[in-house]
Amino acid sequence: MDTKILLKLLEDQADPEKVPAMEAYMKNKFSFLGVQKPILKKIERDFFKLFIKNPIDWAFVEECWQQPYREFQYIAMDYLDKKKKELRPEDFPKLKELAQTKSWWDSIDQLDLIIGEITFHYPETKQVMLDWSKDQDFWLRRIAIDHQLMRKEKTDTDLLEKVILNNLGQSEFFINKAIGWSLRNYSKVNPDWVGAFIDRYREQLSPLSIREGSKYLPS
């Protein structure tokens, strides 16, 4: 999988006029070529189809992560998302490195679901999430909180409670938002559990977490 070919494909479809708005949306933390998501998805489909049945190409992922344009990191994450059922516990170090490099909410919020696939199929890796929930890097803590975001009835509530409790009393916006999202999503299938959790820890939860977590609870 050649990133030079990919760069040419992206440049051919780039719209420089879109760059200022795309970079501003990401607080000017990253450079963009100006390829918007619908076009990016089409480029990915055509590019991936030649390689998608091969084993995970970590060299390609790493090359994408080293590229200066954010579109490459999106491509790497979309590639891993397509290959997520092939991920194994031994891939955690590589995923951790991605999470801690060029970190921002856009990459973290996709990586947490990719990482969640491993913990779902390999329950012994839950300890990794518990460890991450206490890490100094708040992006790793955010992943630990939200990696079950789409689990619905299959959510491990014991794990969810532990990772949230490890992050109560935080002033970090991205942590308090993550707590609220995890509670809000789970409330769609188990409002009683979420309501009881919020009542039990109301004094320690941030107003943001309570507001987000209560969004779908009956008034």
N, C-alpha and C. Protein backbone atom coordinates (compact mmCIF):
# COMPACT_ATOMS: atom_id res chain seq x y z
N MET A 1 0.86 -1.18 0.00
CA MET A 1 0.00 0.00 0.00
C MET A 1 0.90 1.23 0.00
N ASP A 2 0.82 2.00 -1.06
CA ASP A 2 1.77 3.08 -1.31
C ASP A 2 1.14 4.43 -0.98
N THR A 3 1.70 5.13 0.00
CA THR A 3 1.15 6.44 0.38
C THR A 3 1.45 7.50 -0.68
N LYS A 4 2.46 7.27 -1.52
CA LYS A 4 2.75 8.24 -2.59
C LYS A 4 1.62 8.23 -3.63
N ILE A 5 1.15 7.02 -3.95
CA ILE A 5 0.00 6.91 -4.86
C ILE A 5 -1.22 7.55 -4.23
N LEU A 6 -1.39 7.29 -2.95
CA LEU A 6 -2.54 7.84 -2.23
C LEU A 6 -2.49 9.37 -2.21
N LEU A 7 -1.31 9.92 -2.00
CA LEU A 7 -1.17 11.39 -2.00
C LEU A 7 -1.60 11.97 -3.34
N LYS A 8 -1.20 11.31 -4.42
CA LYS A 8 -1.59 11.80 -5.76
C LYS A 8 -3.10 11.75 -5.92
N LEU A 9 -3.74 10.67 -5.46
CA LEU A 9 -5.19 10.56 -5.55
C LEU A 9 -5.88 11.66 -4.76
N LEU A 10 -5.34 11.95 -3.59
CA LEU A 10 -5.92 13.00 -2.74
C LEU A 10 -5.73 14.38 -3.37
N GLU A 11 -4.54 14.63 -3.86
CA GLU A 11 -4.25 15.95 -4.46
C GLU A 11 -5.15 16.20 -5.67
N ASP A 12 -5.45 15.15 -6.43
CA ASP A 12 -6.30 15.30 -7.61
C ASP A 12 -7.72 15.71 -7.23
N GLN A 13 -8.15 15.36 -6.01
CA GLN A 13 -9.52 15.64 -5.58
C GLN A 13 -9.59 16.76 -4.53
N ALA A 14 -8.46 17.33 -4.20
CA ALA A 14 -8.42 18.35 -3.15
C ALA A 14 -9.02 19.67 -3.62
N ASP A 15 -9.67 20.36 -2.70
CA ASP A 15 -10.21 21.68 -2.97
C ASP A 15 -9.54 22.67 -2.01
N PRO A 16 -8.53 23.39 -2.47
CA PRO A 16 -7.80 24.30 -1.58
C PRO A 16 -8.69 25.32 -0.87
N GLU A 17 -9.82 25.65 -1.49
CA GLU A 17 -10.71 26.63 -0.87
C GLU A 17 -11.36 26.09 0.41
N LYS A 18 -11.39 24.76 0.56
CA LYS A 18 -11.98 24.15 1.75
C LYS A 18 -11.00 24.11 2.92
N VAL A 19 -9.72 24.30 2.63
CA VAL A 19 -8.68 24.12 3.65
C VAL A 19 -8.86 25.02 4.86
N PRO A 20 -9.06 26.33 4.70
CA PRO A 20 -9.17 27.19 5.89
C PRO A 20 -10.27 26.76 6.86
N ALA A 21 -11.43 26.40 6.32
CA ALA A 21 -12.54 25.99 7.19
C ALA A 21 -12.25 24.66 7.87
N MET A 22 -11.65 23.73 7.13
CA MET A 22 -11.34 22.41 7.70
C MET A 22 -10.29 22.54 8.81
N GLU A 23 -9.30 23.39 8.59
CA GLU A 23 -8.26 23.58 9.60
C GLU A 23 -8.80 24.33 10.81
N ALA A 24 -9.67 25.30 10.57
CA ALA A 24 -10.26 26.05 11.68
C ALA A 24 -11.12 25.15 12.55
N TYR A 25 -11.85 24.22 11.93
CA TYR A 25 -12.71 23.29 12.68
C TYR A 25 -11.88 22.44 13.64
N MET A 26 -10.65 22.16 13.26
CA MET A 26 -9.73 21.39 14.11
C MET A 26 -8.81 22.30 14.91
N LYS A 27 -9.24 23.56 15.11
CA LYS A 27 -8.49 24.53 15.92
C LYS A 27 -7.08 24.76 15.38
N ASN A 28 -6.93 24.58 14.06
CA ASN A 28 -5.65 24.80 13.39
C ASN A 28 -4.51 23.95 13.97
N LYS A 29 -4.87 22.78 14.45
CA LYS A 29 -3.87 21.85 14.98
C LYS A 29 -3.23 21.00 13.88
N PHE A 30 -3.91 20.91 12.72
CA PHE A 30 -3.45 20.03 11.65
C PHE A 30 -3.57 20.73 10.30
N SER A 31 -2.74 20.28 9.37
CA SER A 31 -2.85 20.75 7.99
C SER A 31 -3.77 19.82 7.20
N PHE A 32 -4.49 20.37 6.25
CA PHE A 32 -5.40 19.60 5.41
C PHE A 32 -5.09 19.86 3.94
N LEU A 33 -5.40 18.87 3.12
CA LEU A 33 -5.31 19.05 1.67
C LEU A 33 -6.57 19.70 1.12
N GLY A 34 -7.69 19.47 1.81
CA GLY A 34 -8.96 20.00 1.35
C GLY A 34 -9.83 18.94 0.69
N VAL A 35 -9.70 17.69 1.15
CA VAL A 35 -10.53 16.59 0.64
C VAL A 35 -11.62 16.31 1.67
N GLN A 36 -12.87 16.56 1.30
CA GLN A 36 -13.96 16.38 2.25
C GLN A 36 -14.36 14.90 2.35
N LYS A 37 -15.05 14.58 3.45
CA LYS A 37 -15.29 13.19 3.81
C LYS A 37 -15.95 12.35 2.71
N PRO A 38 -17.02 12.81 2.04
CA PRO A 38 -17.62 11.95 1.00
C PRO A 38 -16.63 11.57 -0.10
N ILE A 39 -15.81 12.52 -0.52
CA ILE A 39 -14.82 12.24 -1.56
C ILE A 39 -13.73 11.34 -1.00
N LEU A 40 -13.34 11.59 0.25
CA LEU A 40 -12.32 10.76 0.89
C LEU A 40 -12.76 9.30 0.96
N LYS A 41 -14.03 9.09 1.30
CA LYS A 41 -14.56 7.72 1.40
C LYS A 41 -14.50 7.00 0.05
N LYS A 42 -14.79 7.74 -1.01
CA LYS A 42 -14.74 7.12 -2.35
C LYS A 42 -13.30 6.75 -2.72
N ILE A 43 -12.37 7.65 -2.43
CA ILE A 43 -10.96 7.35 -2.70
C ILE A 43 -10.54 6.11 -1.92
N GLU A 44 -10.95 6.04 -0.66
CA GLU A 44 -10.61 4.88 0.18
C GLU A 44 -11.16 3.59 -0.41
N ARG A 45 -12.41 3.61 -0.83
CA ARG A 45 -13.03 2.39 -1.37
C ARG A 45 -12.22 1.86 -2.55
N ASP A 46 -11.88 2.75 -3.45
CA ASP A 46 -11.14 2.33 -4.65
C ASP A 46 -9.73 1.87 -4.28
N PHE A 47 -9.12 2.54 -3.32
CA PHE A 47 -7.74 2.23 -2.94
C PHE A 47 -7.67 0.94 -2.12
N PHE A 48 -8.59 0.78 -1.17
CA PHE A 48 -8.53 -0.37 -0.26
C PHE A 48 -8.86 -1.69 -0.94
N LYS A 49 -9.70 -1.66 -1.97
CA LYS A 49 -10.23 -2.92 -2.50
C LYS A 49 -9.15 -3.86 -3.01
N LEU A 50 -8.00 -3.32 -3.36
CA LEU A 50 -6.90 -4.15 -3.85
C LEU A 50 -6.14 -4.84 -2.71
N PHE A 51 -6.31 -4.31 -1.49
CA PHE A 51 -5.47 -4.78 -0.38
C PHE A 51 -6.26 -5.26 0.84
N ILE A 52 -7.56 -5.04 0.85
CA ILE A 52 -8.31 -5.19 2.09
C ILE A 52 -8.32 -6.63 2.62
N LYS A 53 -8.10 -7.61 1.75
CA LYS A 53 -8.10 -9.01 2.20
C LYS A 53 -6.73 -9.46 2.70
N ASN A 54 -5.73 -8.61 2.54
CA ASN A 54 -4.39 -8.94 3.04
C ASN A 54 -4.32 -8.73 4.55
N PRO A 55 -3.32 -9.29 5.22
CA PRO A 55 -3.14 -9.02 6.65
C PRO A 55 -2.96 -7.52 6.90
N ILE A 56 -3.21 -7.09 8.12
CA ILE A 56 -3.09 -5.67 8.45
C ILE A 56 -1.69 -5.16 8.10
N ASP A 57 -1.66 -4.09 7.35
CA ASP A 57 -0.40 -3.49 6.92
C ASP A 57 -0.05 -2.35 7.88
N TRP A 58 0.65 -2.69 8.95
CA TRP A 58 0.98 -1.68 9.97
C TRP A 58 1.97 -0.65 9.44
N ALA A 59 2.80 -1.04 8.49
CA ALA A 59 3.73 -0.06 7.90
C ALA A 59 2.95 1.05 7.19
N PHE A 60 1.87 0.66 6.51
CA PHE A 60 1.01 1.65 5.85
C PHE A 60 0.37 2.57 6.87
N VAL A 61 -0.15 2.00 7.95
CA VAL A 61 -0.78 2.81 9.00
C VAL A 61 0.21 3.82 9.57
N GLU A 62 1.42 3.35 9.86
CA GLU A 62 2.44 4.23 10.43
C GLU A 62 2.85 5.33 9.44
N GLU A 63 2.94 4.97 8.16
CA GLU A 63 3.28 5.98 7.14
C GLU A 63 2.19 7.04 7.06
N CYS A 64 0.94 6.60 7.12
CA CYS A 64 -0.17 7.56 7.10
C CYS A 64 -0.09 8.49 8.30
N TRP A 65 0.27 7.94 9.44
CA TRP A 65 0.32 8.75 10.66
C TRP A 65 1.45 9.77 10.60
N GLN A 66 2.48 9.47 9.83
CA GLN A 66 3.62 10.39 9.73
C GLN A 66 3.38 11.50 8.71
N GLN A 67 2.37 11.34 7.87
CA GLN A 67 2.10 12.34 6.84
C GLN A 67 1.60 13.64 7.48
N PRO A 68 1.91 14.78 6.86
CA PRO A 68 1.53 16.06 7.47
C PRO A 68 0.06 16.43 7.32
N TYR A 69 -0.65 15.75 6.43
CA TYR A 69 -2.04 16.11 6.17
C TYR A 69 -2.98 15.20 6.95
N ARG A 70 -3.98 15.82 7.58
CA ARG A 70 -4.89 15.07 8.47
C ARG A 70 -5.67 14.02 7.72
N GLU A 71 -5.94 14.23 6.45
CA GLU A 71 -6.67 13.22 5.68
C GLU A 71 -6.01 11.85 5.77
N PHE A 72 -4.69 11.82 5.85
CA PHE A 72 -3.99 10.54 5.94
C PHE A 72 -4.29 9.81 7.24
N GLN A 73 -4.41 10.55 8.33
CA GLN A 73 -4.76 9.90 9.59
C GLN A 73 -6.20 9.36 9.54
N TYR A 74 -7.09 10.09 8.86
CA TYR A 74 -8.46 9.58 8.69
C TYR A 74 -8.46 8.28 7.88
N ILE A 75 -7.64 8.25 6.85
CA ILE A 75 -7.56 7.04 6.02
C ILE A 75 -7.03 5.87 6.84
N ALA A 76 -6.01 6.11 7.64
CA ALA A 76 -5.45 5.05 8.48
C ALA A 76 -6.49 4.50 9.45
N MET A 77 -7.28 5.39 10.04
CA MET A 77 -8.31 4.94 10.99
C MET A 77 -9.43 4.20 10.28
N ASP A 78 -9.82 4.67 9.11
CA ASP A 78 -10.86 3.96 8.35
C ASP A 78 -10.37 2.58 7.93
N TYR A 79 -9.10 2.50 7.59
CA TYR A 79 -8.51 1.20 7.24
C TYR A 79 -8.54 0.26 8.44
N LEU A 80 -8.12 0.74 9.60
CA LEU A 80 -8.14 -0.10 10.81
C LEU A 80 -9.57 -0.47 11.20
N ASP A 81 -10.50 0.43 10.96
CA ASP A 81 -11.90 0.12 11.26
C ASP A 81 -12.38 -1.05 10.40
N LYS A 82 -11.98 -1.06 9.14
CA LYS A 82 -12.36 -2.16 8.26
C LYS A 82 -11.68 -3.47 8.66
N LYS A 83 -10.53 -3.36 9.31
CA LYS A 83 -9.75 -4.55 9.69
C LYS A 83 -9.88 -4.86 11.19
N LYS A 84 -10.79 -4.20 11.88
CA LYS A 84 -10.80 -4.28 13.34
C LYS A 84 -11.07 -5.68 13.88
N LYS A 85 -11.78 -6.50 13.13
CA LYS A 85 -12.03 -7.87 13.60
C LYS A 85 -10.77 -8.73 13.56
N GLU A 86 -9.74 -8.25 12.90
CA GLU A 86 -8.46 -8.97 12.85
C GLU A 86 -7.48 -8.52 13.93
N LEU A 87 -7.85 -7.48 14.66
CA LEU A 87 -6.96 -6.96 15.70
C LEU A 87 -6.85 -7.94 16.86
N ARG A 88 -5.69 -7.98 17.47
CA ARG A 88 -5.40 -8.89 18.57
C ARG A 88 -4.84 -8.11 19.76
N PRO A 89 -4.85 -8.70 20.95
CA PRO A 89 -4.30 -8.00 22.12
C PRO A 89 -2.88 -7.49 21.90
N GLU A 90 -2.09 -8.21 21.14
CA GLU A 90 -0.71 -7.78 20.92
C GLU A 90 -0.60 -6.51 20.08
N ASP A 91 -1.74 -6.05 19.53
CA ASP A 91 -1.74 -4.81 18.76
C ASP A 91 -1.92 -3.57 19.64
N PHE A 92 -2.17 -3.77 20.92
CA PHE A 92 -2.39 -2.62 21.81
C PHE A 92 -1.24 -1.62 21.79
N PRO A 93 0.03 -2.05 21.85
CA PRO A 93 1.11 -1.05 21.84
C PRO A 93 1.09 -0.15 20.61
N LYS A 94 0.78 -0.72 19.44
CA LYS A 94 0.72 0.09 18.22
C LYS A 94 -0.44 1.08 18.30
N LEU A 95 -1.59 0.60 18.78
CA LEU A 95 -2.76 1.47 18.88
C LEU A 95 -2.55 2.56 19.92
N LYS A 96 -1.87 2.21 20.99
CA LYS A 96 -1.56 3.22 22.02
C LYS A 96 -0.68 4.32 21.44
N GLU A 97 0.30 3.93 20.64
CA GLU A 97 1.18 4.92 20.02
C GLU A 97 0.40 5.85 19.11
N LEU A 98 -0.55 5.30 18.35
CA LEU A 98 -1.39 6.14 17.50
C LEU A 98 -2.21 7.11 18.34
N ALA A 99 -2.77 6.60 19.44
CA ALA A 99 -3.61 7.43 20.29
C ALA A 99 -2.84 8.58 20.92
N GLN A 100 -1.55 8.38 21.13
CA GLN A 100 -0.75 9.39 21.81
C GLN A 100 0.05 10.26 20.84
N THR A 101 -0.17 10.08 19.56
CA THR A 101 0.53 10.87 18.54
C THR A 101 -0.50 11.61 17.69
N LYS A 102 -0.31 12.90 17.52
CA LYS A 102 -1.26 13.74 16.77
C LYS A 102 -2.67 13.58 17.35
N SER A 103 -2.75 13.60 18.67
CA SER A 103 -4.02 13.33 19.37
C SER A 103 -4.97 14.52 19.29
N TRP A 104 -6.20 14.24 18.98
CA TRP A 104 -7.29 15.21 19.07
C TRP A 104 -8.57 14.41 19.07
N TRP A 105 -9.68 15.07 19.35
CA TRP A 105 -10.93 14.32 19.55
C TRP A 105 -11.32 13.51 18.32
N ASP A 106 -10.98 13.99 17.12
CA ASP A 106 -11.41 13.28 15.92
C ASP A 106 -10.74 11.92 15.78
N SER A 107 -9.45 11.85 16.09
CA SER A 107 -8.77 10.55 16.03
C SER A 107 -9.13 9.67 17.21
N ILE A 108 -9.22 10.26 18.39
CA ILE A 108 -9.51 9.48 19.60
C ILE A 108 -10.90 8.85 19.52
N ASP A 109 -11.88 9.60 19.02
CA ASP A 109 -13.25 9.09 18.99
C ASP A 109 -13.44 7.97 17.96
N GLN A 110 -12.53 7.85 17.02
CA GLN A 110 -12.59 6.70 16.12
C GLN A 110 -11.75 5.55 16.66
N LEU A 111 -10.61 5.89 17.24
CA LEU A 111 -9.76 4.84 17.80
C LEU A 111 -10.43 4.12 18.96
N ASP A 112 -11.26 4.83 19.75
CA ASP A 112 -11.84 4.14 20.91
C ASP A 112 -12.76 3.00 20.49
N LEU A 113 -13.46 3.15 19.37
CA LEU A 113 -14.33 2.06 18.91
C LEU A 113 -13.53 0.93 18.28
N ILE A 114 -12.42 1.28 17.63
CA ILE A 114 -11.53 0.25 17.08
C ILE A 114 -10.92 -0.56 18.21
N ILE A 115 -10.45 0.13 19.23
CA ILE A 115 -9.86 -0.54 20.39
C ILE A 115 -10.92 -1.34 21.14
N GLY A 116 -12.14 -0.82 21.18
CA GLY A 116 -13.23 -1.54 21.85
C GLY A 116 -13.50 -2.90 21.25
N GLU A 117 -13.19 -3.06 19.96
CA GLU A 117 -13.38 -4.36 19.31
C GLU A 117 -12.48 -5.42 19.94
N ILE A 118 -11.27 -5.02 20.33
CA ILE A 118 -10.35 -5.98 20.95
C ILE A 118 -10.88 -6.39 22.33
N THR A 119 -11.27 -5.42 23.13
CA THR A 119 -11.71 -5.77 24.49
C THR A 119 -13.00 -6.59 24.48
N PHE A 120 -13.81 -6.41 23.42
CA PHE A 120 -15.04 -7.18 23.33
C PHE A 120 -14.75 -8.65 23.06
N HIS A 121 -13.81 -8.92 22.18
CA HIS A 121 -13.49 -10.30 21.79
C HIS A 121 -12.44 -10.95 22.69
N TYR A 122 -11.71 -10.12 23.42
CA TYR A 122 -10.67 -10.64 24.32
C TYR A 122 -10.88 -10.02 25.70
N PRO A 123 -11.81 -10.58 26.48
CA PRO A 123 -12.16 -9.98 27.77
C PRO A 123 -10.97 -9.80 28.71
N GLU A 124 -9.94 -10.60 28.53
CA GLU A 124 -8.77 -10.47 29.41
C GLU A 124 -8.07 -9.12 29.24
N THR A 125 -8.38 -8.41 28.15
CA THR A 125 -7.74 -7.11 27.92
C THR A 125 -8.47 -5.96 28.62
N LYS A 126 -9.53 -6.28 29.35
CA LYS A 126 -10.22 -5.22 30.10
C LYS A 126 -9.27 -4.51 31.06
N GLN A 127 -8.29 -5.25 31.56
CA GLN A 127 -7.33 -4.64 32.48
C GLN A 127 -6.57 -3.50 31.81
N VAL A 128 -6.36 -3.61 30.50
CA VAL A 128 -5.70 -2.53 29.77
C VAL A 128 -6.54 -1.26 29.87
N MET A 129 -7.85 -1.40 29.71
CA MET A 129 -8.73 -0.23 29.80
C MET A 129 -8.75 0.33 31.22
N LEU A 130 -8.70 -0.53 32.21
CA LEU A 130 -8.63 -0.04 33.59
C LEU A 130 -7.33 0.73 33.82
N ASP A 131 -6.25 0.22 33.28
CA ASP A 131 -4.97 0.92 33.40
C ASP A 131 -5.01 2.26 32.68
N TRP A 132 -5.56 2.25 31.46
CA TRP A 132 -5.64 3.50 30.70
C TRP A 132 -6.54 4.51 31.40
N SER A 133 -7.55 4.04 32.10
CA SER A 133 -8.49 4.95 32.77
C SER A 133 -7.82 5.74 33.89
N LYS A 134 -6.61 5.33 34.26
CA LYS A 134 -5.87 6.03 35.32
C LYS A 134 -4.58 6.65 34.80
N ASP A 135 -4.42 6.65 33.48
CA ASP A 135 -3.19 7.16 32.89
C ASP A 135 -3.12 8.69 32.99
N GLN A 136 -1.92 9.23 33.00
CA GLN A 136 -1.76 10.68 33.01
C GLN A 136 -2.25 11.31 31.72
N ASP A 137 -2.22 10.57 30.63
CA ASP A 137 -2.67 11.06 29.33
C ASP A 137 -4.20 11.00 29.29
N PHE A 138 -4.85 12.16 29.28
CA PHE A 138 -6.31 12.15 29.34
C PHE A 138 -6.93 11.58 28.08
N TRP A 139 -6.20 11.56 26.97
CA TRP A 139 -6.75 10.94 25.76
C TRP A 139 -6.90 9.43 25.94
N LEU A 140 -5.95 8.80 26.61
CA LEU A 140 -6.09 7.37 26.91
C LEU A 140 -7.26 7.15 27.87
N ARG A 141 -7.43 8.05 28.81
CA ARG A 141 -8.56 7.93 29.74
C ARG A 141 -9.88 8.07 28.98
N ARG A 142 -9.92 8.96 28.02
CA ARG A 142 -11.14 9.13 27.22
C ARG A 142 -11.47 7.85 26.45
N ILE A 143 -10.45 7.22 25.89
CA ILE A 143 -10.68 5.95 25.19
C ILE A 143 -11.23 4.91 26.15
N ALA A 144 -10.66 4.82 27.34
CA ALA A 144 -11.13 3.84 28.32
C ALA A 144 -12.59 4.06 28.67
N ILE A 145 -12.99 5.32 28.78
CA ILE A 145 -14.38 5.64 29.14
C ILE A 145 -15.34 5.32 28.00
N ASP A 146 -14.94 5.62 26.77
CA ASP A 146 -15.88 5.55 25.64
C ASP A 146 -15.69 4.34 24.73
N HIS A 147 -14.81 3.42 25.06
CA HIS A 147 -14.55 2.32 24.12
C HIS A 147 -15.74 1.36 24.00
N GLN A 148 -16.70 1.44 24.93
CA GLN A 148 -17.91 0.61 24.84
C GLN A 148 -19.10 1.38 24.27
N LEU A 149 -18.86 2.51 23.69
CA LEU A 149 -19.92 3.46 23.35
C LEU A 149 -21.06 2.85 22.54
N MET A 150 -20.76 1.90 21.66
CA MET A 150 -21.78 1.34 20.78
C MET A 150 -22.22 -0.06 21.20
N ARG A 151 -21.90 -0.47 22.41
CA ARG A 151 -22.17 -1.85 22.84
C ARG A 151 -23.64 -2.12 23.16
N LYS A 152 -24.38 -1.08 23.52
CA LYS A 152 -25.79 -1.23 23.88
C LYS A 152 -25.95 -2.27 25.00
N GLU A 153 -26.79 -3.30 24.78
CA GLU A 153 -27.07 -4.29 25.84
C GLU A 153 -25.83 -5.10 26.23
N LYS A 154 -24.82 -5.08 25.39
CA LYS A 154 -23.61 -5.87 25.67
C LYS A 154 -22.57 -5.08 26.47
N THR A 155 -22.95 -3.89 26.91
CA THR A 155 -22.04 -3.09 27.72
C THR A 155 -21.69 -3.80 29.02
N ASP A 156 -20.42 -3.80 29.35
CA ASP A 156 -19.95 -4.34 30.62
C ASP A 156 -20.08 -3.22 31.65
N THR A 157 -21.16 -3.25 32.42
CA THR A 157 -21.44 -2.14 33.33
C THR A 157 -20.44 -2.07 34.48
N ASP A 158 -19.92 -3.20 34.89
CA ASP A 158 -18.91 -3.19 35.95
C ASP A 158 -17.67 -2.43 35.48
N LEU A 159 -17.25 -2.70 34.25
CA LEU A 159 -16.09 -2.00 33.68
C LEU A 159 -16.41 -0.53 33.47
N LEU A 160 -17.60 -0.24 32.95
CA LEU A 160 -18.00 1.14 32.71
C LEU A 160 -17.97 1.94 34.01
N GLU A 161 -18.52 1.36 35.06
CA GLU A 161 -18.55 2.07 36.34
C GLU A 161 -17.13 2.33 36.85
N LYS A 162 -16.27 1.35 36.75
CA LYS A 162 -14.91 1.50 37.26
C LYS A 162 -14.13 2.58 36.52
N VAL A 163 -14.23 2.59 35.19
CA VAL A 163 -13.44 3.58 34.45
C VAL A 163 -13.98 4.99 34.68
N ILE A 164 -15.30 5.11 34.88
CA ILE A 164 -15.85 6.43 35.19
C ILE A 164 -15.42 6.87 36.58
N LEU A 165 -15.51 5.97 37.56
CA LEU A 165 -15.12 6.33 38.92
C LEU A 165 -13.66 6.76 38.99
N ASN A 166 -12.84 6.18 38.14
CA ASN A 166 -11.43 6.57 38.11
C ASN A 166 -11.22 7.97 37.55
N ASN A 167 -12.30 8.57 37.03
CA ASN A 167 -12.18 9.89 36.40
C ASN A 167 -13.13 10.93 36.96
N LEU A 168 -13.73 10.65 38.09
CA LEU A 168 -14.58 11.66 38.72
C LEU A 168 -13.73 12.78 39.30
N GLY A 169 -14.34 13.96 39.38
CA GLY A 169 -13.64 15.10 39.95
C GLY A 169 -12.64 15.75 39.01
N GLN A 170 -12.77 15.48 37.72
CA GLN A 170 -11.85 16.03 36.72
C GLN A 170 -12.36 17.38 36.21
N SER A 171 -11.44 18.24 35.88
CA SER A 171 -11.82 19.52 35.27
C SER A 171 -11.66 19.48 33.75
N GLU A 172 -11.06 18.40 33.23
CA GLU A 172 -10.81 18.30 31.79
C GLU A 172 -12.12 18.11 31.02
N PHE A 173 -12.40 19.04 30.11
CA PHE A 173 -13.63 19.00 29.33
C PHE A 173 -13.80 17.67 28.60
N PHE A 174 -12.74 17.19 27.95
CA PHE A 174 -12.87 15.99 27.12
C PHE A 174 -13.14 14.74 27.95
N ILE A 175 -12.77 14.76 29.22
CA ILE A 175 -13.09 13.64 30.11
C ILE A 175 -14.53 13.72 30.57
N ASN A 176 -14.95 14.89 31.01
CA ASN A 176 -16.33 15.03 31.49
C ASN A 176 -17.34 14.82 30.37
N LYS A 177 -16.98 15.25 29.17
CA LYS A 177 -17.84 15.01 28.01
C LYS A 177 -17.93 13.51 27.71
N ALA A 178 -16.79 12.82 27.79
CA ALA A 178 -16.77 11.38 27.53
C ALA A 178 -17.63 10.63 28.53
N ILE A 179 -17.55 11.01 29.79
CA ILE A 179 -18.39 10.37 30.82
C ILE A 179 -19.86 10.56 30.47
N GLY A 180 -20.22 11.78 30.10
CA GLY A 180 -21.62 12.05 29.74
C GLY A 180 -22.07 11.25 28.54
N TRP A 181 -21.22 11.15 27.53
CA TRP A 181 -21.58 10.38 26.33
C TRP A 181 -21.76 8.90 26.65
N SER A 182 -20.86 8.35 27.45
CA SER A 182 -20.96 6.92 27.76
C SER A 182 -22.26 6.63 28.51
N LEU A 183 -22.62 7.51 29.43
CA LEU A 183 -23.87 7.32 30.18
C LEU A 183 -25.08 7.55 29.27
N ARG A 184 -25.02 8.57 28.45
CA ARG A 184 -26.14 8.87 27.56
C ARG A 184 -26.42 7.71 26.61
N ASN A 185 -25.38 7.17 25.99
CA ASN A 185 -25.59 6.07 25.05
C ASN A 185 -26.14 4.84 25.74
N TYR A 186 -25.62 4.53 26.91
CA TYR A 186 -26.11 3.34 27.60
C TYR A 186 -27.52 3.55 28.13
N SER A 187 -27.90 4.79 28.40
CA SER A 187 -29.25 5.05 28.91
C SER A 187 -30.33 4.70 27.88
N LYS A 188 -29.94 4.59 26.61
CA LYS A 188 -30.92 4.24 25.58
C LYS A 188 -31.42 2.81 25.75
N VAL A 189 -30.61 1.96 26.38
CA VAL A 189 -31.01 0.57 26.58
C VAL A 189 -31.21 0.22 28.05
N ASN A 190 -30.63 1.01 28.95
CA ASN A 190 -30.77 0.72 30.38
C ASN A 190 -30.85 2.02 31.18
N PRO A 191 -31.96 2.75 31.02
CA PRO A 191 -32.08 4.04 31.72
C PRO A 191 -32.08 3.89 33.23
N ASP A 192 -32.57 2.77 33.74
CA ASP A 192 -32.60 2.59 35.20
C ASP A 192 -31.19 2.56 35.77
N TRP A 193 -30.30 1.85 35.10
CA TRP A 193 -28.91 1.76 35.59
C TRP A 193 -28.25 3.14 35.56
N VAL A 194 -28.44 3.85 34.45
CA VAL A 194 -27.81 5.17 34.31
C VAL A 194 -28.39 6.15 35.32
N GLY A 195 -29.71 6.13 35.47
CA GLY A 195 -30.34 7.02 36.44
C GLY A 195 -29.84 6.78 37.85
N ALA A 196 -29.73 5.51 38.21
CA ALA A 196 -29.23 5.15 39.55
C ALA A 196 -27.77 5.56 39.71
N PHE A 197 -27.00 5.39 38.65
CA PHE A 197 -25.58 5.77 38.70
C PHE A 197 -25.43 7.27 38.93
N ILE A 198 -26.19 8.05 38.18
CA ILE A 198 -26.11 9.51 38.32
C ILE A 198 -26.56 9.93 39.71
N ASP A 199 -27.62 9.33 40.22
CA ASP A 199 -28.08 9.67 41.58
C ASP A 199 -27.02 9.32 42.62
N ARG A 200 -26.37 8.19 42.43
CA ARG A 200 -25.40 7.71 43.42
C ARG A 200 -24.15 8.58 43.47
N TYR A 201 -23.76 9.11 42.30
CA TYR A 201 -22.50 9.86 42.24
C TYR A 201 -22.71 11.33 41.84
N ARG A 202 -23.91 11.82 42.03
CA ARG A 202 -24.25 13.18 41.58
C ARG A 202 -23.29 14.23 42.11
N GLU A 203 -22.89 14.09 43.35
CA GLU A 203 -22.02 15.10 43.97
C GLU A 203 -20.62 15.11 43.36
N GLN A 204 -20.24 14.01 42.75
CA GLN A 204 -18.89 13.92 42.19
C GLN A 204 -18.85 14.10 40.68
N LEU A 205 -19.99 13.90 40.03
CA LEU A 205 -20.06 14.08 38.58
C LEU A 205 -20.09 15.57 38.24
N SER A 206 -19.48 15.94 37.13
CA SER A 206 -19.51 17.33 36.69
C SER A 206 -20.90 17.66 36.14
N PRO A 207 -21.30 18.93 36.17
CA PRO A 207 -22.59 19.31 35.56
C PRO A 207 -22.69 18.88 34.10
N LEU A 208 -21.58 18.97 33.36
CA LEU A 208 -21.57 18.55 31.96
C LEU A 208 -21.88 17.06 31.83
N SER A 209 -21.25 16.25 32.65
CA SER A 209 -21.49 14.80 32.60
C SER A 209 -22.94 14.47 32.94
N ILE A 210 -23.47 15.15 33.95
CA ILE A 210 -24.87 14.91 34.35
C ILE A 210 -25.82 15.34 33.23
N ARG A 211 -25.56 16.51 32.65
CA ARG A 211 -26.43 17.00 31.59
C ARG A 211 -26.43 16.07 30.38
N GLU A 212 -25.25 15.65 29.95
CA GLU A 212 -25.16 14.74 28.81
C GLU A 212 -25.74 13.37 29.16
N GLY A 213 -25.40 12.86 30.33
CA GLY A 213 -25.85 11.52 30.71
C GLY A 213 -27.34 11.42 30.94
N SER A 214 -27.97 12.55 31.28
CA SER A 214 -29.41 12.56 31.58
C SER A 214 -30.28 12.86 30.36
N LYS A 215 -29.66 13.10 29.23
CA LYS A 215 -30.38 13.62 28.07
C LYS A 215 -31.58 12.77 27.69
N TYR A 216 -31.46 11.44 27.75
CA TYR A 216 -32.55 10.56 27.32
C TYR A 216 -33.28 9.90 28.49
N LEU A 217 -32.97 10.32 29.70
CA LEU A 217 -33.66 9.75 30.85
C LEU A 217 -35.05 10.36 30.99
N PRO A 218 -36.02 9.58 31.44
CA PRO A 218 -37.36 10.15 31.66
C PRO A 218 -37.31 11.22 32.74
N SER A 219 -38.03 12.29 32.52
CA SER A 219 -38.00 13.40 33.48
C SER A 219 -38.89 13.11 34.69
